[in-house]
Amino acid sequence: MKPKISLSSSQEPVCLAGASVTKAATLLDVSRATESKVMSAYTDHGKTTSAKRNSGRNSKLT
């Protein structure tokens, strides 16, 4: 089972700006392999983790 990967708002521009895997990995302080896995997951699935709405109990706050 593949782990769910979530990019923070500061990481998205680096990946979407067309930076190379090596440059993006250096800027984000991760390995090239990790950066490649993250970009593959992001390209395949998009922002699935952060885009989901809470499906649990409704809030009592109005």
PDB file of N, CA and C in Angstrom:
ATOM      1  N   MET A   1       0.838  -1.174   0.000  1.00  0.00           N
ATOM      2  CA  MET A   1       0.000   0.000   0.000  1.00  0.00           C
ATOM      3  C   MET A   1       0.883   1.237   0.000  1.00  0.00           C
ATOM      4  N   LYS A   2       0.609   2.153  -0.910  1.00  0.00           N
ATOM      5  CA  LYS A   2       1.417   3.358  -1.012  1.00  0.00           C
ATOM      6  C   LYS A   2       1.003   4.361   0.058  1.00  0.00           C
ATOM      7  N   PRO A   3       1.966   5.037   0.678  1.00  0.00           N
ATOM      8  CA  PRO A   3       1.616   6.041   1.677  1.00  0.00           C
ATOM      9  C   PRO A   3       1.029   7.272   1.006  1.00  0.00           C
ATOM     10  N   LYS A   4       0.132   7.952   1.697  1.00  0.00           N
ATOM     11  CA  LYS A   4      -0.423   9.195   1.175  1.00  0.00           C
ATOM     12  C   LYS A   4       0.582  10.302   1.412  1.00  0.00           C
ATOM     13  N   ILE A   5       0.827  11.065   0.382  1.00  0.00           N
ATOM     14  CA  ILE A   5       1.815  12.130   0.460  1.00  0.00           C
ATOM     15  C   ILE A   5       1.100  13.455   0.281  1.00  0.00           C
ATOM     16  N   SER A   6       1.377  14.381   1.148  1.00  0.00           N
ATOM     17  CA  SER A   6       0.757  15.691   1.059  1.00  0.00           C
ATOM     18  C   SER A   6       1.827  16.761   0.927  1.00  0.00           C
ATOM     19  N   LEU A   7       1.665  17.619  -0.055  1.00  0.00           N
ATOM     20  CA  LEU A   7       2.595  18.729  -0.237  1.00  0.00           C
ATOM     21  C   LEU A   7       2.071  19.949   0.490  1.00  0.00           C
ATOM     22  N   SER A   8       2.947  20.663   1.142  1.00  0.00           N
ATOM     23  CA  SER A   8       2.531  21.904   1.773  1.00  0.00           C
ATOM     24  C   SER A   8       2.453  22.983   0.709  1.00  0.00           C
ATOM     25  N   SER A   9       1.841  24.090   1.044  1.00  0.00           N
ATOM     26  CA  SER A   9       1.691  25.169   0.068  1.00  0.00           C
ATOM     27  C   SER A   9       3.031  25.744  -0.353  1.00  0.00           C
ATOM     28  N   SER A  10       4.054  25.625   0.476  1.00  0.00           N
ATOM     29  CA  SER A  10       5.374  26.132   0.097  1.00  0.00           C
ATOM     30  C   SER A  10       6.102  25.169  -0.827  1.00  0.00           C
ATOM     31  N   GLN A  11       5.721  23.895  -0.834  1.00  0.00           N
ATOM     32  CA  GLN A  11       6.369  22.904  -1.682  1.00  0.00           C
ATOM     33  C   GLN A  11       5.753  22.840  -3.073  1.00  0.00           C
ATOM     34  N   GLU A  12       4.477  23.144  -3.204  1.00  0.00           N
ATOM     35  CA  GLU A  12       3.811  23.043  -4.497  1.00  0.00           C
ATOM     36  C   GLU A  12       4.447  23.909  -5.576  1.00  0.00           C
ATOM     37  N   PRO A  13       4.736  25.194  -5.320  1.00  0.00           N
ATOM     38  CA  PRO A  13       5.311  26.017  -6.389  1.00  0.00           C
ATOM     39  C   PRO A  13       6.633  25.481  -6.923  1.00  0.00           C
ATOM     40  N   VAL A  14       7.449  24.892  -6.069  1.00  0.00           N
ATOM     41  CA  VAL A  14       8.734  24.339  -6.510  1.00  0.00           C
ATOM     42  C   VAL A  14       8.493  23.224  -7.508  1.00  0.00           C
ATOM     43  N   CYS A  15       7.543  22.373  -7.205  1.00  0.00           N
ATOM     44  CA  CYS A  15       7.264  21.227  -8.066  1.00  0.00           C
ATOM     45  C   CYS A  15       6.556  21.647  -9.345  1.00  0.00           C
ATOM     46  N   LEU A  16       5.652  22.593  -9.247  1.00  0.00           N
ATOM     47  CA  LEU A  16       4.861  22.985 -10.402  1.00  0.00           C
ATOM     48  C   LEU A  16       5.569  23.994 -11.294  1.00  0.00           C
ATOM     49  N   ALA A  17       6.642  24.595 -10.811  1.00  0.00           N
ATOM     50  CA  ALA A  17       7.356  25.599 -11.591  1.00  0.00           C
ATOM     51  C   ALA A  17       8.265  24.979 -12.638  1.00  0.00           C
ATOM     52  N   GLY A  18       8.331  23.669 -12.683  1.00  0.00           N
ATOM     53  CA  GLY A  18       9.155  22.996 -13.675  1.00  0.00           C
ATOM     54  C   GLY A  18      10.592  22.800 -13.244  1.00  0.00           C
ATOM     55  N   ALA A  19      10.849  22.883 -11.960  1.00  0.00           N
ATOM     56  CA  ALA A  19      12.205  22.665 -11.453  1.00  0.00           C
ATOM     57  C   ALA A  19      12.585  21.202 -11.650  1.00  0.00           C
ATOM     58  N   SER A  20      13.855  20.957 -11.855  1.00  0.00           N
ATOM     59  CA  SER A  20      14.317  19.578 -12.003  1.00  0.00           C
ATOM     60  C   SER A  20      14.162  18.846 -10.673  1.00  0.00           C
ATOM     61  N   VAL A  21      14.163  17.539 -10.753  1.00  0.00           N
ATOM     62  CA  VAL A  21      14.035  16.722  -9.543  1.00  0.00           C
ATOM     63  C   VAL A  21      15.177  17.032  -8.585  1.00  0.00           C
ATOM     64  N   THR A  22      16.385  17.156  -9.115  1.00  0.00           N
ATOM     65  CA  THR A  22      17.553  17.434  -8.273  1.00  0.00           C
ATOM     66  C   THR A  22      17.426  18.788  -7.587  1.00  0.00           C
ATOM     67  N   LYS A  23      17.024  19.812  -8.345  1.00  0.00           N
ATOM     68  CA  LYS A  23      16.903  21.156  -7.769  1.00  0.00           C
ATOM     69  C   LYS A  23      15.785  21.209  -6.730  1.00  0.00           C
ATOM     70  N   ALA A  24      14.650  20.611  -7.040  1.00  0.00           N
ATOM     71  CA  ALA A  24      13.536  20.595  -6.090  1.00  0.00           C
ATOM     72  C   ALA A  24      13.915  19.836  -4.826  1.00  0.00           C
ATOM     73  N   ALA A  25      14.607  18.708  -4.976  1.00  0.00           N
ATOM     74  CA  ALA A  25      15.030  17.923  -3.813  1.00  0.00           C
ATOM     75  C   ALA A  25      15.988  18.717  -2.942  1.00  0.00           C
ATOM     76  N   THR A  26      16.889  19.456  -3.566  1.00  0.00           N
ATOM     77  CA  THR A  26      17.832  20.285  -2.817  1.00  0.00           C
ATOM     78  C   THR A  26      17.100  21.387  -2.060  1.00  0.00           C
ATOM     79  N   LEU A  27      16.164  22.060  -2.719  1.00  0.00           N
ATOM     80  CA  LEU A  27      15.415  23.144  -2.077  1.00  0.00           C
ATOM     81  C   LEU A  27      14.553  22.648  -0.923  1.00  0.00           C
ATOM     82  N   LEU A  28      14.011  21.440  -1.060  1.00  0.00           N
ATOM     83  CA  LEU A  28      13.126  20.897  -0.032  1.00  0.00           C
ATOM     84  C   LEU A  28      13.856  20.054   1.005  1.00  0.00           C
ATOM     85  N   ASP A  29      15.166  19.879   0.812  1.00  0.00           N
ATOM     86  CA  ASP A  29      16.007  19.120   1.730  1.00  0.00           C
ATOM     87  C   ASP A  29      15.537  17.671   1.880  1.00  0.00           C
ATOM     88  N   VAL A  30      15.277  17.034   0.738  1.00  0.00           N
ATOM     89  CA  VAL A  30      14.932  15.616   0.702  1.00  0.00           C
ATOM     90  C   VAL A  30      15.781  14.937  -0.369  1.00  0.00           C
ATOM     91  N   SER A  31      15.773  13.612  -0.386  1.00  0.00           N
ATOM     92  CA  SER A  31      16.545  12.894  -1.398  1.00  0.00           C
ATOM     93  C   SER A  31      15.848  12.995  -2.755  1.00  0.00           C
ATOM     94  N   ARG A  32      16.610  12.728  -3.819  1.00  0.00           N
ATOM     95  CA  ARG A  32      16.042  12.752  -5.164  1.00  0.00           C
ATOM     96  C   ARG A  32      14.976  11.670  -5.317  1.00  0.00           C
ATOM     97  N   ALA A  33      15.193  10.527  -4.678  1.00  0.00           N
ATOM     98  CA  ALA A  33      14.218   9.432  -4.756  1.00  0.00           C
ATOM     99  C   ALA A  33      12.894   9.841  -4.115  1.00  0.00           C
ATOM    100  N   THR A  34      12.978  10.493  -2.954  1.00  0.00           N
ATOM    101  CA  THR A  34      11.769  10.954  -2.273  1.00  0.00           C
ATOM    102  C   THR A  34      11.045  11.984  -3.118  1.00  0.00           C
ATOM    103  N   GLU A  35      11.778  12.936  -3.673  1.00  0.00           N
ATOM    104  CA  GLU A  35      11.171  13.968  -4.513  1.00  0.00           C
ATOM    105  C   GLU A  35      10.491  13.343  -5.726  1.00  0.00           C
ATOM    106  N   SER A  36      11.128  12.355  -6.313  1.00  0.00           N
ATOM    107  CA  SER A  36      10.549  11.679  -7.472  1.00  0.00           C
ATOM    108  C   SER A  36       9.253  10.961  -7.101  1.00  0.00           C
ATOM    109  N   LYS A  37       9.233  10.296  -5.950  1.00  0.00           N
ATOM    110  CA  LYS A  37       8.025   9.602  -5.490  1.00  0.00           C
ATOM    111  C   LYS A  37       6.896  10.590  -5.208  1.00  0.00           C
ATOM    112  N   VAL A  38       7.237  11.699  -4.571  1.00  0.00           N
ATOM    113  CA  VAL A  38       6.234  12.715  -4.247  1.00  0.00           C
ATOM    114  C   VAL A  38       5.642  13.292  -5.524  1.00  0.00           C
ATOM    115  N   MET A  39       6.489  13.624  -6.482  1.00  0.00           N
ATOM    116  CA  MET A  39       5.996  14.204  -7.728  1.00  0.00           C
ATOM    117  C   MET A  39       5.153  13.205  -8.513  1.00  0.00           C
ATOM    118  N   SER A  40       5.540  11.943  -8.505  1.00  0.00           N
ATOM    119  CA  SER A  40       4.743  10.919  -9.194  1.00  0.00           C
ATOM    120  C   SER A  40       3.361  10.805  -8.562  1.00  0.00           C
ATOM    121  N   ALA A  41       3.317  10.765  -7.245  1.00  0.00           N
ATOM    122  CA  ALA A  41       2.040  10.672  -6.543  1.00  0.00           C
ATOM    123  C   ALA A  41       1.203  11.920  -6.776  1.00  0.00           C
ATOM    124  N   TYR A  42       1.823  13.087  -6.755  1.00  0.00           N
ATOM    125  CA  TYR A  42       1.098  14.343  -6.955  1.00  0.00           C
ATOM    126  C   TYR A  42       0.553  14.421  -8.375  1.00  0.00           C
ATOM    127  N   THR A  43       1.353  13.983  -9.352  1.00  0.00           N
ATOM    128  CA  THR A  43       0.915  14.004 -10.744  1.00  0.00           C
ATOM    129  C   THR A  43      -0.227  13.020 -10.976  1.00  0.00           C
ATOM    130  N   ASP A  44      -0.129  11.844 -10.374  1.00  0.00           N
ATOM    131  CA  ASP A  44      -1.154  10.816 -10.562  1.00  0.00           C
ATOM    132  C   ASP A  44      -2.451  11.124  -9.831  1.00  0.00           C
ATOM    133  N   HIS A  45      -2.350  11.636  -8.615  1.00  0.00           N
ATOM    134  CA  HIS A  45      -3.531  11.771  -7.764  1.00  0.00           C
ATOM    135  C   HIS A  45      -3.913  13.202  -7.420  1.00  0.00           C
ATOM    136  N   GLY A  46      -3.056  14.150  -7.660  1.00  0.00           N
ATOM    137  CA  GLY A  46      -3.361  15.533  -7.314  1.00  0.00           C
ATOM    138  C   GLY A  46      -3.376  15.752  -5.816  1.00  0.00           C
ATOM    139  N   LYS A  47      -4.135  16.744  -5.386  1.00  0.00           N
ATOM    140  CA  LYS A  47      -4.186  17.099  -3.967  1.00  0.00           C
ATOM    141  C   LYS A  47      -5.293  16.314  -3.273  1.00  0.00           C
ATOM    142  N   THR A  48      -5.169  15.005  -3.245  1.00  0.00           N
ATOM    143  CA  THR A  48      -6.241  14.190  -2.683  1.00  0.00           C
ATOM    144  C   THR A  48      -6.343  14.320  -1.172  1.00  0.00           C
ATOM    145  N   THR A  49      -5.230  14.389  -0.491  1.00  0.00           N
ATOM    146  CA  THR A  49      -5.264  14.402   0.970  1.00  0.00           C
ATOM    147  C   THR A  49      -5.838  15.704   1.508  1.00  0.00           C
ATOM    148  N   SER A  50      -5.336  16.830   1.028  1.00  0.00           N
ATOM    149  CA  SER A  50      -5.773  18.109   1.574  1.00  0.00           C
ATOM    150  C   SER A  50      -7.073  18.599   0.944  1.00  0.00           C
ATOM    151  N   ALA A  51      -7.494  18.031  -0.179  1.00  0.00           N
ATOM    152  CA  ALA A  51      -8.707  18.489  -0.846  1.00  0.00           C
ATOM    153  C   ALA A  51      -9.964  17.813  -0.300  1.00  0.00           C
ATOM    154  N   LYS A  52      -9.798  16.739   0.462  1.00  0.00           N
ATOM    155  CA  LYS A  52     -10.960  16.026   0.971  1.00  0.00           C
ATOM    156  C   LYS A  52     -11.640  16.829   2.079  1.00  0.00           C
ATOM    157  N   ARG A  53     -12.940  16.805   2.067  1.00  0.00           N
ATOM    158  CA  ARG A  53     -13.699  17.463   3.113  1.00  0.00           C
ATOM    159  C   ARG A  53     -13.884  16.497   4.274  1.00  0.00           C
ATOM    160  N   ASN A  54     -14.031  17.029   5.454  1.00  0.00           N
ATOM    161  CA  ASN A  54     -14.250  16.199   6.628  1.00  0.00           C
ATOM    162  C   ASN A  54     -15.558  15.436   6.464  1.00  0.00           C
ATOM    163  N   SER A  55     -15.493  14.125   6.536  1.00  0.00           N
ATOM    164  CA  SER A  55     -16.696  13.312   6.368  1.00  0.00           C
ATOM    165  C   SER A  55     -17.213  12.788   7.703  1.00  0.00           C
ATOM    166  N   GLY A  56     -16.663  13.290   8.777  1.00  0.00           N
ATOM    167  CA  GLY A  56     -17.071  12.829  10.106  1.00  0.00           C
ATOM    168  C   GLY A  56     -18.314  13.538  10.600  1.00  0.00           C
ATOM    169  N   ARG A  57     -18.451  13.578  11.879  1.00  0.00           N
ATOM    170  CA  ARG A  57     -19.608  14.193  12.517  1.00  0.00           C
ATOM    171  C   ARG A  57     -19.652  15.692  12.213  1.00  0.00           C
ATOM    172  N   ASN A  58     -20.851  16.220  12.030  1.00  0.00           N
ATOM    173  CA  ASN A  58     -21.016  17.647  11.786  1.00  0.00           C
ATOM    174  C   ASN A  58     -20.623  18.448  13.020  1.00  0.00           C
ATOM    175  N   SER A  59     -20.106  19.629  12.791  1.00  0.00           N
ATOM    176  CA  SER A  59     -19.689  20.498  13.881  1.00  0.00           C
ATOM    177  C   SER A  59     -20.902  21.090  14.583  1.00  0.00           C
ATOM    178  N   LYS A  60     -20.813  21.238  15.893  1.00  0.00           N
ATOM    179  CA  LYS A  60     -21.895  21.868  16.645  1.00  0.00           C
ATOM    180  C   LYS A  60     -21.803  23.386  16.585  1.00  0.00           C
ATOM    181  N   LEU A  61     -20.645  23.896  16.149  1.00  0.00           N
ATOM    182  CA  LEU A  61     -20.484  25.337  16.055  1.00  0.00           C
ATOM    183  C   LEU A  61     -21.257  25.873  14.864  1.00  0.00           C
ATOM    184  N   THR A  62     -21.899  27.026  15.050  1.00  0.00           N
ATOM    185  CA  THR A  62     -22.649  27.620  13.932  1.00  0.00           C
ATOM    186  C   THR A  62     -22.098  28.952  13.544  1.00  0.00           C
TER     187      THR A  62
END
